[in-house]
Protein backbone atom coordinates (compact mmCIF):
# COMPACT_ATOMS: atom_id res chain seq x y z
CA MET A 1 143.21 206.37 83.80
CA PRO A 2 144.90 203.19 83.82
CA PRO A 3 143.28 200.32 82.20
CA SER A 4 141.73 197.96 84.64
CA THR A 5 143.62 194.57 84.98
CA PRO A 6 141.47 191.38 85.66
CA GLU A 7 142.25 189.72 89.10
CA LYS A 8 144.60 186.84 88.72
CA PRO A 9 143.01 183.46 89.97
CA GLU A 10 146.07 183.49 92.64
CA ASP A 11 145.26 186.83 94.18
CA ARG A 12 141.77 185.74 94.92
CA ALA A 13 143.04 182.43 96.56
CA ASN A 14 145.78 184.21 98.82
CA ALA A 15 143.13 186.81 99.96
CA ALA A 16 140.71 183.87 100.85
CA GLU A 17 143.62 181.94 102.74
CA GLY A 18 144.15 184.98 105.02
CA THR A 19 140.47 185.13 106.48
CA ALA A 20 138.84 182.71 108.65
CA GLN A 21 135.98 181.82 106.53
CA GLU A 22 133.12 180.23 108.90
CA PRO A 23 130.37 178.00 106.89
CA THR A 24 127.33 180.59 106.06
CA SER A 25 124.93 177.65 105.10
CA ALA A 26 122.10 177.16 107.74
CA PHE A 27 122.51 173.67 106.09
CA LEU A 28 125.71 173.11 107.79
CA LYS A 29 125.28 174.58 111.20
CA PRO A 30 125.74 172.06 113.87
CA LEU A 31 122.47 171.06 115.44
CA GLN A 32 121.65 168.96 118.76
CA PRO A 33 120.34 165.46 118.25
CA SER A 34 117.25 164.09 120.46
CA GLN A 35 117.63 161.25 123.33
CA GLU A 36 116.32 158.91 120.63
CA LEU A 37 118.54 160.16 118.08
CA ALA A 38 121.83 160.32 119.88
CA ALA A 39 121.29 156.78 120.47
CA ILE A 40 122.54 155.92 116.90
CA VAL A 41 124.84 159.05 115.92
CA GLY A 42 126.17 159.87 119.14
CA SER A 43 125.39 163.22 121.46
CA ALA A 44 127.54 165.93 120.10
CA PRO A 45 125.82 168.39 117.89
CA LEU A 46 126.55 167.41 114.30
CA PRO A 47 125.47 169.08 111.05
CA ARG A 48 122.31 167.79 109.04
CA PRO A 49 124.34 165.99 105.99
CA GLU A 50 126.79 164.32 108.86
CA ALA A 51 123.75 162.98 110.64
CA VAL A 52 122.01 161.42 107.90
CA SER A 53 125.52 160.36 106.85
CA LYS A 54 125.67 158.54 110.27
CA ILE A 55 122.30 157.08 109.83
CA TRP A 56 123.03 155.47 106.61
CA GLU A 57 126.07 154.06 108.23
CA TYR A 58 123.65 152.45 110.73
CA ILE A 59 121.30 151.11 108.40
CA LYS A 60 123.64 149.46 106.04
CA THR A 61 125.84 148.13 109.42
CA HIS A 62 122.59 146.45 110.47
CA LYS A 63 121.35 145.24 107.01
CA LEU A 64 118.21 147.51 107.44
CA GLN A 65 117.44 148.17 104.18
CA ASN A 66 114.75 145.94 102.44
CA PRO A 67 116.79 143.60 99.87
CA GLN A 68 113.90 143.67 97.31
CA ASN A 69 113.33 147.17 97.45
CA LYS A 70 116.12 149.34 98.43
CA ARG A 71 114.10 153.00 99.23
CA GLU A 72 112.34 150.82 101.74
CA ILE A 73 114.30 150.79 105.61
CA MET A 74 113.32 148.30 107.82
CA ALA A 75 113.51 149.76 111.42
CA ASP A 76 114.75 148.26 114.47
CA GLU A 77 113.92 149.14 118.11
CA LYS A 78 116.41 152.31 118.20
CA LEU A 79 115.04 153.38 114.68
CA GLN A 80 111.67 153.25 115.57
CA ALA A 81 112.06 155.60 118.07
CA VAL A 82 113.39 157.94 115.61
CA PHE A 83 110.84 157.18 112.95
CA GLY A 84 107.90 157.49 115.33
CA GLY A 85 107.04 153.75 115.54
CA LYS A 86 106.83 152.91 112.34
CA ASN A 87 108.18 149.40 111.16
CA LYS A 88 109.39 150.63 107.74
CA VAL A 89 109.62 154.08 106.41
CA SER A 90 111.24 155.31 102.94
CA MET A 91 114.21 156.72 102.55
CA PHE A 92 112.38 159.99 101.42
CA GLU A 93 110.18 159.81 104.52
CA MET A 94 113.54 159.38 106.98
CA ASN A 95 114.38 163.17 106.63
CA LYS A 96 110.91 164.12 107.71
CA TYR A 97 111.43 162.18 111.01
CA LEU A 98 115.18 163.29 111.40
CA ALA A 99 113.98 167.00 111.27
CA GLN A 100 111.80 166.37 114.17
CA HIS A 101 114.97 164.99 116.28
CA LEU A 102 117.46 167.63 115.37
CA LYS A 103 117.09 171.06 117.41
C-alpha cells in the first residue's frame, strides 16, 4: 500500500473553486421585510445581518442613539412602527422586534 500523503492546501482551494457553493447557514437566507421595516431597509429580501446593518446605518444617520447611554435607541416615527410603538429600546431589544418584521 502506498503511504498516504497529506492533501495540500492548494488542492483543497482548487477543488472548492470548481464547485458553486451556496450559503448553507439559515442566518444568511434572504428574508422579506414587513412594510414597516421596508420603509427603513428597502423592500427587497435581504439576510438578517444586512438588515441589522441597514437599521444601524439609519440610526446613526438620523442621530437616534442616546448620547448619554449609547445602548439606547430613541425611535422616530419609522422606528416606532418597527419597535411596537415604543419611544426607546435598548440595542438588545432591537433584535427581538426585528425578528417580528423579517419573514
